[in-house]
Amino acid sequence: MPRTGMMAIRKDALVNATISEIGRAGSLDVTVGQIAKVAGVSSALAHHYFGSKDDLLLAAMRAILREFGAAARAELSRAATPMERLEAIARASFAGPNFNPEVVSAWLTFYVMAQRDAEAARLLRVYQHRLVSNLTHALTPLTDTPGQIAQTAAALIDGLYIRHALAEIGPPDGNAAVARVMDYLNGAIA
């Protein structure tokens, strides 16, 4: 296999190992060496590819956001009505790979990192803006206050991730989370 192919495979392995190790630890309290070991590469190679543990977490979050974006686009492509669009966004937010314990832990770590790291804060703002924008678009034909309802729904989505990360409400249950978001949206629209 060409070297460039191996580099992509190793980077993917490091990103997946970062998510896994953060999930295991429940925080960023892991070393690049631990992540590299799980990925099956040397610590030096991990530093070569990503530089620092923070850079690894940013790469992991970009991968998580790409997966969420793909899930959202797939769900939205099947939605014909504004309510179906809202449900599609909620389903994408809590779909299996987007709402497992490791990814939930990565999100919590990312929220904390965004308070001190400019690139993490920028990435979080982009995600939040897109989420609110998609919700607002779907809500516009249904209510006079689409922006306000979209902001609250986005906060509810983020809040459910935080509550699951803190183990306040048990293991992640995507269907229950979608139902909770849709209950709020139905009530807010009515």
N, C-alpha and C. Protein backbone atom coordinates (compact mmCIF):
# COMPACT_ATOMS: atom_id res chain seq x y z
N MET A 1 0.85 -1.18 0.00
CA MET A 1 0.00 0.00 0.00
C MET A 1 0.90 1.24 0.00
N PRO A 2 0.55 2.25 -0.82
CA PRO A 2 1.35 3.47 -0.84
C PRO A 2 1.37 4.14 0.53
N ARG A 3 2.44 4.87 0.78
CA ARG A 3 2.59 5.56 2.06
C ARG A 3 1.42 6.47 2.40
N THR A 4 0.91 7.19 1.39
CA THR A 4 -0.19 8.11 1.68
C THR A 4 -1.42 7.35 2.15
N GLY A 5 -1.64 6.15 1.64
CA GLY A 5 -2.76 5.33 2.10
C GLY A 5 -2.58 4.93 3.55
N MET A 6 -1.37 4.57 3.92
CA MET A 6 -1.09 4.20 5.31
C MET A 6 -1.25 5.40 6.23
N MET A 7 -0.84 6.57 5.76
CA MET A 7 -0.98 7.76 6.59
C MET A 7 -2.46 8.01 6.90
N ALA A 8 -3.32 7.90 5.91
CA ALA A 8 -4.76 8.12 6.13
C ALA A 8 -5.32 7.07 7.09
N ILE A 9 -4.89 5.82 6.93
CA ILE A 9 -5.35 4.75 7.81
C ILE A 9 -4.89 5.01 9.24
N ARG A 10 -3.65 5.41 9.40
CA ARG A 10 -3.13 5.69 10.75
C ARG A 10 -3.82 6.89 11.39
N LYS A 11 -4.05 7.93 10.59
CA LYS A 11 -4.75 9.10 11.14
C LYS A 11 -6.17 8.73 11.58
N ASP A 12 -6.86 7.95 10.75
CA ASP A 12 -8.20 7.49 11.13
C ASP A 12 -8.15 6.66 12.41
N ALA A 13 -7.16 5.80 12.51
CA ALA A 13 -7.02 4.97 13.71
C ALA A 13 -6.77 5.83 14.94
N LEU A 14 -5.97 6.88 14.79
CA LEU A 14 -5.70 7.78 15.91
C LEU A 14 -6.96 8.57 16.30
N VAL A 15 -7.73 9.01 15.32
CA VAL A 15 -8.97 9.73 15.61
C VAL A 15 -9.94 8.82 16.35
N ASN A 16 -10.11 7.58 15.85
CA ASN A 16 -11.00 6.63 16.51
C ASN A 16 -10.52 6.28 17.91
N ALA A 17 -9.21 6.13 18.07
CA ALA A 17 -8.64 5.82 19.39
C ALA A 17 -8.83 7.00 20.34
N THR A 18 -8.76 8.22 19.83
CA THR A 18 -8.99 9.40 20.67
C THR A 18 -10.41 9.38 21.21
N ILE A 19 -11.37 9.13 20.35
CA ILE A 19 -12.77 9.06 20.78
C ILE A 19 -12.95 7.94 21.80
N SER A 20 -12.36 6.80 21.51
CA SER A 20 -12.49 5.64 22.40
C SER A 20 -11.87 5.90 23.77
N GLU A 21 -10.67 6.45 23.79
CA GLU A 21 -9.99 6.70 25.06
C GLU A 21 -10.64 7.81 25.88
N ILE A 22 -11.13 8.85 25.21
CA ILE A 22 -11.86 9.90 25.94
C ILE A 22 -13.13 9.29 26.53
N GLY A 23 -13.79 8.44 25.76
CA GLY A 23 -14.98 7.77 26.27
C GLY A 23 -14.68 6.88 27.46
N ARG A 24 -13.56 6.17 27.40
CA ARG A 24 -13.16 5.30 28.50
C ARG A 24 -12.86 6.11 29.75
N ALA A 25 -12.12 7.20 29.57
CA ALA A 25 -11.71 8.03 30.71
C ALA A 25 -12.82 8.99 31.15
N GLY A 26 -13.70 9.33 30.22
CA GLY A 26 -14.75 10.30 30.53
C GLY A 26 -14.25 11.73 30.51
N SER A 27 -13.03 11.93 30.03
CA SER A 27 -12.45 13.27 29.97
C SER A 27 -11.23 13.24 29.05
N LEU A 28 -10.56 14.36 28.95
CA LEU A 28 -9.33 14.44 28.17
C LEU A 28 -8.13 14.02 29.01
N ASP A 29 -8.39 13.37 30.13
CA ASP A 29 -7.34 12.92 31.04
C ASP A 29 -6.70 11.62 30.53
N VAL A 30 -6.24 11.68 29.29
CA VAL A 30 -5.53 10.57 28.66
C VAL A 30 -4.29 11.15 28.01
N THR A 31 -3.33 10.31 27.74
CA THR A 31 -2.10 10.78 27.12
C THR A 31 -2.09 10.43 25.64
N VAL A 32 -1.28 11.14 24.89
CA VAL A 32 -1.10 10.81 23.48
C VAL A 32 -0.54 9.40 23.36
N GLY A 33 0.30 9.01 24.32
CA GLY A 33 0.86 7.66 24.32
C GLY A 33 -0.24 6.60 24.46
N GLN A 34 -1.21 6.84 25.33
CA GLN A 34 -2.32 5.89 25.48
C GLN A 34 -3.14 5.81 24.19
N ILE A 35 -3.40 6.96 23.61
CA ILE A 35 -4.16 7.00 22.37
C ILE A 35 -3.39 6.27 21.26
N ALA A 36 -2.12 6.56 21.15
CA ALA A 36 -1.29 5.93 20.12
C ALA A 36 -1.26 4.41 20.30
N LYS A 37 -1.15 3.95 21.54
CA LYS A 37 -1.11 2.52 21.80
C LYS A 37 -2.40 1.84 21.32
N VAL A 38 -3.53 2.45 21.63
CA VAL A 38 -4.82 1.89 21.18
C VAL A 38 -4.90 1.89 19.66
N ALA A 39 -4.34 2.92 19.03
CA ALA A 39 -4.35 3.02 17.57
C ALA A 39 -3.33 2.11 16.90
N GLY A 40 -2.41 1.58 17.69
CA GLY A 40 -1.39 0.69 17.13
C GLY A 40 -0.27 1.42 16.42
N VAL A 41 -0.01 2.66 16.85
CA VAL A 41 1.10 3.43 16.28
C VAL A 41 1.96 3.96 17.42
N SER A 42 3.09 4.49 17.08
CA SER A 42 3.97 5.04 18.11
C SER A 42 3.49 6.43 18.53
N SER A 43 3.85 6.80 19.74
CA SER A 43 3.53 8.12 20.25
C SER A 43 4.16 9.20 19.36
N ALA A 44 5.38 8.95 18.90
CA ALA A 44 6.07 9.91 18.04
C ALA A 44 5.30 10.14 16.74
N LEU A 45 4.76 9.06 16.18
CA LEU A 45 3.99 9.20 14.94
C LEU A 45 2.70 9.98 15.19
N ALA A 46 2.06 9.74 16.33
CA ALA A 46 0.85 10.50 16.68
C ALA A 46 1.17 11.99 16.77
N HIS A 47 2.29 12.32 17.43
CA HIS A 47 2.70 13.73 17.54
C HIS A 47 3.05 14.28 16.16
N HIS A 48 3.66 13.48 15.34
CA HIS A 48 4.02 13.92 13.99
C HIS A 48 2.77 14.28 13.18
N TYR A 49 1.76 13.42 13.25
CA TYR A 49 0.54 13.65 12.48
C TYR A 49 -0.31 14.79 13.03
N PHE A 50 -0.40 14.90 14.35
CA PHE A 50 -1.35 15.84 14.93
C PHE A 50 -0.74 16.92 15.81
N GLY A 51 0.44 16.72 16.30
CA GLY A 51 1.08 17.75 17.12
C GLY A 51 0.81 17.58 18.59
N SER A 52 -0.44 17.75 19.01
CA SER A 52 -0.74 17.71 20.44
C SER A 52 -2.03 16.94 20.69
N LYS A 53 -2.30 16.70 21.95
CA LYS A 53 -3.54 16.03 22.35
C LYS A 53 -4.74 16.89 21.96
N ASP A 54 -4.64 18.19 22.12
CA ASP A 54 -5.74 19.08 21.72
C ASP A 54 -6.00 18.97 20.22
N ASP A 55 -4.93 18.88 19.44
CA ASP A 55 -5.10 18.74 17.99
C ASP A 55 -5.77 17.41 17.65
N LEU A 56 -5.46 16.37 18.41
CA LEU A 56 -6.13 15.07 18.22
C LEU A 56 -7.62 15.19 18.53
N LEU A 57 -7.96 15.88 19.62
CA LEU A 57 -9.38 16.05 19.95
C LEU A 57 -10.09 16.86 18.88
N LEU A 58 -9.46 17.90 18.37
CA LEU A 58 -10.08 18.68 17.29
C LEU A 58 -10.31 17.82 16.05
N ALA A 59 -9.33 16.98 15.72
CA ALA A 59 -9.50 16.09 14.57
C ALA A 59 -10.64 15.10 14.83
N ALA A 60 -10.73 14.61 16.06
CA ALA A 60 -11.81 13.68 16.41
C ALA A 60 -13.16 14.39 16.29
N MET A 61 -13.25 15.62 16.76
CA MET A 61 -14.52 16.34 16.69
C MET A 61 -14.88 16.67 15.24
N ARG A 62 -13.89 16.97 14.43
CA ARG A 62 -14.19 17.20 13.01
C ARG A 62 -14.77 15.92 12.39
N ALA A 63 -14.21 14.77 12.75
CA ALA A 63 -14.72 13.49 12.24
C ALA A 63 -16.15 13.26 12.75
N ILE A 64 -16.40 13.53 14.01
CA ILE A 64 -17.75 13.38 14.58
C ILE A 64 -18.72 14.32 13.87
N LEU A 65 -18.30 15.55 13.63
CA LEU A 65 -19.18 16.52 12.96
C LEU A 65 -19.41 16.14 11.49
N ARG A 66 -18.40 15.56 10.83
CA ARG A 66 -18.61 15.07 9.46
C ARG A 66 -19.66 13.96 9.45
N GLU A 67 -19.56 13.05 10.41
CA GLU A 67 -20.53 11.96 10.50
C GLU A 67 -21.93 12.49 10.79
N PHE A 68 -22.01 13.47 11.70
CA PHE A 68 -23.31 14.09 11.99
C PHE A 68 -23.84 14.77 10.74
N GLY A 69 -23.00 15.51 10.04
CA GLY A 69 -23.42 16.20 8.81
C GLY A 69 -23.94 15.22 7.77
N ALA A 70 -23.26 14.10 7.60
CA ALA A 70 -23.71 13.09 6.65
C ALA A 70 -25.05 12.51 7.07
N ALA A 71 -25.21 12.24 8.37
CA ALA A 71 -26.48 11.71 8.87
C ALA A 71 -27.59 12.73 8.69
N ALA A 72 -27.30 13.99 8.96
CA ALA A 72 -28.31 15.04 8.80
C ALA A 72 -28.72 15.18 7.34
N ARG A 73 -27.75 15.19 6.44
CA ARG A 73 -28.09 15.30 5.01
C ARG A 73 -28.93 14.11 4.55
N ALA A 74 -28.58 12.91 5.00
CA ALA A 74 -29.34 11.72 4.62
C ALA A 74 -30.77 11.80 5.15
N GLU A 75 -30.91 12.18 6.41
CA GLU A 75 -32.25 12.29 7.00
C GLU A 75 -33.06 13.39 6.31
N LEU A 76 -32.44 14.54 6.08
CA LEU A 76 -33.15 15.67 5.47
C LEU A 76 -33.55 15.37 4.03
N SER A 77 -32.78 14.54 3.34
CA SER A 77 -33.12 14.22 1.94
C SER A 77 -34.44 13.46 1.84
N ARG A 78 -34.84 12.81 2.92
CA ARG A 78 -36.09 12.05 2.93
C ARG A 78 -37.27 12.86 3.50
N ALA A 79 -37.01 14.07 3.96
CA ALA A 79 -38.05 14.88 4.60
C ALA A 79 -38.77 15.73 3.56
N ALA A 80 -40.09 15.68 3.58
CA ALA A 80 -40.88 16.45 2.61
C ALA A 80 -41.57 17.65 3.24
N THR A 81 -41.84 17.62 4.53
CA THR A 81 -42.58 18.70 5.18
C THR A 81 -41.69 19.36 6.25
N PRO A 82 -42.06 20.54 6.72
CA PRO A 82 -41.28 21.17 7.78
C PRO A 82 -41.18 20.30 9.05
N MET A 83 -42.28 19.64 9.43
CA MET A 83 -42.23 18.77 10.61
C MET A 83 -41.30 17.59 10.39
N GLU A 84 -41.31 17.04 9.19
CA GLU A 84 -40.39 15.95 8.86
C GLU A 84 -38.95 16.43 8.91
N ARG A 85 -38.71 17.68 8.49
CA ARG A 85 -37.36 18.24 8.57
C ARG A 85 -36.91 18.35 10.03
N LEU A 86 -37.80 18.82 10.88
CA LEU A 86 -37.47 18.93 12.31
C LEU A 86 -37.14 17.56 12.89
N GLU A 87 -37.96 16.58 12.57
CA GLU A 87 -37.71 15.24 13.08
C GLU A 87 -36.42 14.66 12.50
N ALA A 88 -36.13 14.96 11.26
CA ALA A 88 -34.89 14.49 10.63
C ALA A 88 -33.67 15.05 11.36
N ILE A 89 -33.72 16.31 11.72
CA ILE A 89 -32.61 16.93 12.45
C ILE A 89 -32.46 16.28 13.82
N ALA A 90 -33.58 16.05 14.49
CA ALA A 90 -33.52 15.41 15.81
C ALA A 90 -32.98 13.98 15.69
N ARG A 91 -33.46 13.23 14.69
CA ARG A 91 -32.96 11.86 14.51
C ARG A 91 -31.46 11.85 14.21
N ALA A 92 -31.01 12.76 13.35
CA ALA A 92 -29.58 12.81 13.03
C ALA A 92 -28.76 13.15 14.27
N SER A 93 -29.29 14.01 15.12
CA SER A 93 -28.57 14.41 16.33
C SER A 93 -28.37 13.25 17.28
N PHE A 94 -29.30 12.32 17.28
CA PHE A 94 -29.25 11.23 18.25
C PHE A 94 -29.15 9.86 17.60
N ALA A 95 -28.70 9.80 16.35
CA ALA A 95 -28.52 8.53 15.65
C ALA A 95 -27.41 7.72 16.32
N GLY A 96 -27.48 6.41 16.17
CA GLY A 96 -26.56 5.48 16.82
C GLY A 96 -25.12 5.93 16.95
N PRO A 97 -24.40 6.10 15.83
CA PRO A 97 -22.98 6.46 15.96
C PRO A 97 -22.75 7.86 16.52
N ASN A 98 -23.74 8.74 16.42
CA ASN A 98 -23.60 10.10 16.93
C ASN A 98 -23.94 10.21 18.41
N PHE A 99 -24.54 9.15 18.97
CA PHE A 99 -25.04 9.25 20.34
C PHE A 99 -24.66 8.00 21.15
N ASN A 100 -23.41 7.58 20.99
CA ASN A 100 -22.93 6.48 21.82
C ASN A 100 -22.09 7.07 22.95
N PRO A 101 -21.83 6.30 24.01
CA PRO A 101 -21.13 6.87 25.18
C PRO A 101 -19.79 7.53 24.86
N GLU A 102 -19.02 6.95 23.94
CA GLU A 102 -17.70 7.53 23.62
C GLU A 102 -17.85 8.90 22.96
N VAL A 103 -18.79 8.99 22.02
CA VAL A 103 -19.00 10.26 21.31
C VAL A 103 -19.58 11.30 22.26
N VAL A 104 -20.48 10.88 23.14
CA VAL A 104 -21.05 11.80 24.12
C VAL A 104 -19.94 12.36 25.02
N SER A 105 -19.01 11.50 25.46
CA SER A 105 -17.88 11.97 26.28
C SER A 105 -16.99 12.92 25.49
N ALA A 106 -16.78 12.61 24.21
CA ALA A 106 -15.97 13.51 23.38
C ALA A 106 -16.63 14.88 23.28
N TRP A 107 -17.96 14.91 23.13
CA TRP A 107 -18.66 16.20 23.08
C TRP A 107 -18.47 16.99 24.37
N LEU A 108 -18.62 16.34 25.51
CA LEU A 108 -18.46 17.05 26.78
C LEU A 108 -17.05 17.62 26.89
N THR A 109 -16.07 16.84 26.52
CA THR A 109 -14.68 17.30 26.55
C THR A 109 -14.49 18.47 25.59
N PHE A 110 -15.13 18.38 24.43
CA PHE A 110 -15.05 19.44 23.43
C PHE A 110 -15.68 20.74 23.93
N TYR A 111 -16.84 20.65 24.60
CA TYR A 111 -17.47 21.85 25.16
C TYR A 111 -16.51 22.55 26.13
N VAL A 112 -15.84 21.77 26.97
CA VAL A 112 -14.90 22.34 27.93
C VAL A 112 -13.71 22.95 27.20
N MET A 113 -13.18 22.23 26.22
CA MET A 113 -12.03 22.72 25.46
C MET A 113 -12.35 24.03 24.75
N ALA A 114 -13.59 24.17 24.27
CA ALA A 114 -13.98 25.38 23.53
C ALA A 114 -13.92 26.64 24.40
N GLN A 115 -13.90 26.48 25.71
CA GLN A 115 -13.80 27.63 26.60
C GLN A 115 -12.40 28.22 26.64
N ARG A 116 -11.40 27.43 26.24
CA ARG A 116 -10.02 27.90 26.35
C ARG A 116 -9.23 27.86 25.03
N ASP A 117 -9.82 27.27 24.00
CA ASP A 117 -9.11 27.09 22.74
C ASP A 117 -9.89 27.77 21.61
N ALA A 118 -9.25 28.68 20.92
CA ALA A 118 -9.93 29.47 19.89
C ALA A 118 -10.42 28.61 18.74
N GLU A 119 -9.65 27.63 18.30
CA GLU A 119 -10.08 26.78 17.19
C GLU A 119 -11.25 25.90 17.59
N ALA A 120 -11.24 25.38 18.80
CA ALA A 120 -12.37 24.58 19.29
C ALA A 120 -13.61 25.46 19.41
N ALA A 121 -13.45 26.68 19.89
CA ALA A 121 -14.58 27.61 20.01
C ALA A 121 -15.15 27.93 18.63
N ARG A 122 -14.29 28.12 17.65
CA ARG A 122 -14.75 28.40 16.28
C ARG A 122 -15.52 27.21 15.72
N LEU A 123 -14.99 26.00 15.90
CA LEU A 123 -15.65 24.80 15.41
C LEU A 123 -17.01 24.60 16.09
N LEU A 124 -17.08 24.88 17.37
CA LEU A 124 -18.35 24.77 18.10
C LEU A 124 -19.36 25.79 17.59
N ARG A 125 -18.90 27.01 17.33
CA ARG A 125 -19.80 28.05 16.79
C ARG A 125 -20.35 27.65 15.42
N VAL A 126 -19.50 27.07 14.57
CA VAL A 126 -19.95 26.63 13.24
C VAL A 126 -21.03 25.56 13.40
N TYR A 127 -20.78 24.57 14.25
CA TYR A 127 -21.79 23.52 14.49
C TYR A 127 -23.09 24.13 15.00
N GLN A 128 -23.00 24.99 16.02
CA GLN A 128 -24.20 25.57 16.60
C GLN A 128 -24.97 26.42 15.60
N HIS A 129 -24.24 27.19 14.79
CA HIS A 129 -24.89 28.04 13.79
C HIS A 129 -25.64 27.18 12.77
N ARG A 130 -25.01 26.10 12.30
CA ARG A 130 -25.67 25.23 11.31
C ARG A 130 -26.89 24.55 11.91
N LEU A 131 -26.78 24.09 13.15
CA LEU A 131 -27.91 23.44 13.79
C LEU A 131 -29.09 24.41 13.92
N VAL A 132 -28.83 25.59 14.44
CA VAL A 132 -29.89 26.59 14.61
C VAL A 132 -30.45 27.02 13.26
N SER A 133 -29.59 27.17 12.27
CA SER A 133 -30.03 27.56 10.94
C SER A 133 -30.97 26.51 10.33
N ASN A 134 -30.60 25.24 10.43
CA ASN A 134 -31.46 24.18 9.91
C ASN A 134 -32.79 24.12 10.65
N LEU A 135 -32.74 24.25 11.97
CA LEU A 135 -33.98 24.25 12.75
C LEU A 135 -34.85 25.45 12.39
N THR A 136 -34.25 26.62 12.28
CA THR A 136 -34.99 27.84 11.94
C THR A 136 -35.65 27.70 10.57
N HIS A 137 -34.93 27.16 9.61
CA HIS A 137 -35.48 26.97 8.27
C HIS A 137 -36.72 26.09 8.31
N ALA A 138 -36.65 25.01 9.07
CA ALA A 138 -37.80 24.10 9.17
C ALA A 138 -38.96 24.75 9.94
N LEU A 139 -38.64 25.57 10.92
CA LEU A 139 -39.68 26.17 11.76
C LEU A 139 -40.36 27.38 11.13
N THR A 140 -39.72 28.04 10.18
CA THR A 140 -40.23 29.30 9.62
C THR A 140 -41.67 29.20 9.13
N PRO A 141 -42.07 28.15 8.41
CA PRO A 141 -43.48 28.12 7.98
C PRO A 141 -44.45 27.70 9.09
N LEU A 142 -43.93 27.32 10.25
CA LEU A 142 -44.79 26.76 11.30
C LEU A 142 -45.07 27.70 12.46
N THR A 143 -44.30 28.78 12.59
CA THR A 143 -44.42 29.63 13.78
C THR A 143 -43.97 31.06 13.47
N ASP A 144 -44.39 31.98 14.32
CA ASP A 144 -43.95 33.37 14.19
C ASP A 144 -42.61 33.62 14.88
N THR A 145 -42.15 32.66 15.67
CA THR A 145 -40.89 32.83 16.41
C THR A 145 -39.92 31.68 16.11
N PRO A 146 -39.57 31.46 14.84
CA PRO A 146 -38.72 30.32 14.51
C PRO A 146 -37.33 30.38 15.14
N GLY A 147 -36.74 31.56 15.19
CA GLY A 147 -35.39 31.69 15.75
C GLY A 147 -35.34 31.35 17.22
N GLN A 148 -36.30 31.84 17.96
CA GLN A 148 -36.35 31.60 19.40
C GLN A 148 -36.56 30.11 19.69
N ILE A 149 -37.48 29.48 18.98
CA ILE A 149 -37.74 28.06 19.19
C ILE A 149 -36.53 27.23 18.76
N ALA A 150 -35.89 27.62 17.66
CA ALA A 150 -34.70 26.91 17.19
C ALA A 150 -33.57 26.99 18.21
N GLN A 151 -33.36 28.17 18.80
CA GLN A 151 -32.31 28.33 19.82
C GLN A 151 -32.58 27.41 21.01
N THR A 152 -33.83 27.34 21.45
CA THR A 152 -34.17 26.51 22.59
C THR A 152 -34.03 25.02 22.24
N ALA A 153 -34.47 24.64 21.05
CA ALA A 153 -34.33 23.24 20.63
C ALA A 153 -32.86 22.84 20.53
N ALA A 154 -32.01 23.73 20.02
CA ALA A 154 -30.58 23.44 19.94
C ALA A 154 -29.99 23.30 21.34
N ALA A 155 -30.42 24.17 22.26
CA ALA A 155 -29.95 24.07 23.65
C ALA A 155 -30.42 22.76 24.28
N LEU A 156 -31.62 22.32 23.95
CA LEU A 156 -32.12 21.05 24.46
C LEU A 156 -31.29 19.89 23.92
N ILE A 157 -30.96 19.92 22.65
CA ILE A 157 -30.12 18.87 22.05
C ILE A 157 -28.77 18.82 22.76
N ASP A 158 -28.11 19.97 22.88
CA ASP A 158 -26.82 20.01 23.58
C ASP A 158 -26.97 19.59 25.03
N GLY A 159 -28.04 20.01 25.67
CA GLY A 159 -28.28 19.66 27.06
C GLY A 159 -28.46 18.17 27.27
N LEU A 160 -29.13 17.50 26.33
CA LEU A 160 -29.28 16.05 26.45
C LEU A 160 -27.92 15.35 26.35
N TYR A 161 -27.04 15.86 25.51
CA TYR A 161 -25.68 15.30 25.43
C TYR A 161 -24.96 15.50 26.77
N ILE A 162 -25.05 16.68 27.31
CA ILE A 162 -24.37 16.97 28.58
C ILE A 162 -24.92 16.08 29.69
N ARG A 163 -26.23 15.96 29.78
CA ARG A 163 -26.82 15.12 30.83
C ARG A 163 -26.39 13.67 30.68
N HIS A 164 -26.33 13.17 29.46
CA HIS A 164 -25.88 11.79 29.26
C HIS A 164 -24.40 11.66 29.60
N ALA A 165 -23.61 12.65 29.24
CA ALA A 165 -22.17 12.60 29.55
C ALA A 165 -21.95 12.57 31.05
N LEU A 166 -22.78 13.27 31.78
CA LEU A 166 -22.65 13.30 33.24
C LEU A 166 -23.40 12.15 33.91
N ALA A 167 -23.93 11.24 33.09
CA ALA A 167 -24.62 10.04 33.56
C ALA A 167 -25.81 10.36 34.46
N GLU A 168 -26.46 11.48 34.19
CA GLU A 168 -27.62 11.86 34.99
C GLU A 168 -28.87 11.09 34.59
N ILE A 169 -28.92 10.63 33.34
CA ILE A 169 -30.16 10.00 32.89
C ILE A 169 -29.90 8.65 32.23
N GLY A 170 -28.87 7.97 32.64
CA GLY A 170 -28.61 6.63 32.13
C GLY A 170 -27.89 6.62 30.80
N PRO A 171 -27.75 5.42 30.23
CA PRO A 171 -27.04 5.32 28.95
C PRO A 171 -27.80 6.02 27.84
N PRO A 172 -27.10 6.48 26.82
CA PRO A 172 -27.76 7.19 25.73
C PRO A 172 -28.88 6.37 25.09
N ASP A 173 -30.04 6.97 24.97
CA ASP A 173 -31.19 6.36 24.31
C ASP A 173 -31.65 7.34 23.24
N GLY A 174 -31.22 7.09 22.01
CA GLY A 174 -31.50 8.00 20.92
C GLY A 174 -32.98 8.22 20.68
N ASN A 175 -33.77 7.15 20.74
CA ASN A 175 -35.21 7.29 20.49
C ASN A 175 -35.87 8.16 21.55
N ALA A 176 -35.50 7.98 22.81
CA ALA A 176 -36.07 8.80 23.88
C ALA A 176 -35.65 10.26 23.71
N ALA A 177 -34.40 10.50 23.30
CA ALA A 177 -33.93 11.86 23.10
C ALA A 177 -34.68 12.53 21.95
N VAL A 178 -34.88 11.81 20.85
CA VAL A 178 -35.65 12.37 19.72
C VAL A 178 -37.06 12.70 20.18
N ALA A 179 -37.68 11.79 20.94
CA ALA A 179 -39.04 12.03 21.43
C ALA A 179 -39.11 13.27 22.31
N ARG A 180 -38.10 13.46 23.15
CA ARG A 180 -38.10 14.63 24.04
C ARG A 180 -37.99 15.92 23.23
N VAL A 181 -37.10 15.94 22.24
CA VAL A 181 -36.95 17.13 21.39
C VAL A 181 -38.23 17.39 20.60
N MET A 182 -38.83 16.35 20.05
CA MET A 182 -40.06 16.52 19.28
C MET A 182 -41.22 16.95 20.17
N ASP A 183 -41.29 16.46 21.40
CA ASP A 183 -42.32 16.92 22.34
C ASP A 183 -42.20 18.42 22.56
N TYR A 184 -40.94 18.88 22.77
CA TYR A 184 -40.75 20.32 22.95
C TYR A 184 -41.18 21.08 21.70
N LEU A 185 -40.73 20.63 20.53
CA LEU A 185 -41.05 21.35 19.29
C LEU A 185 -42.56 21.37 19.03
N ASN A 186 -43.22 20.26 19.23
CA ASN A 186 -44.68 20.23 19.03
C ASN A 186 -45.37 21.19 19.98
N GLY A 187 -44.95 21.23 21.22
CA GLY A 187 -45.54 22.15 22.19
C GLY A 187 -45.25 23.60 21.85
N ALA A 188 -44.03 23.89 21.43
CA ALA A 188 -43.65 25.27 21.11
C ALA A 188 -44.38 25.77 19.87
N ILE A 189 -44.62 24.89 18.92
CA ILE A 189 -45.31 25.30 17.70
C ILE A 189 -46.80 25.51 17.97
N ALA A 190 -47.36 24.65 18.81
CA ALA A 190 -48.80 24.76 19.14
C ALA A 190 -49.00 26.01 19.94
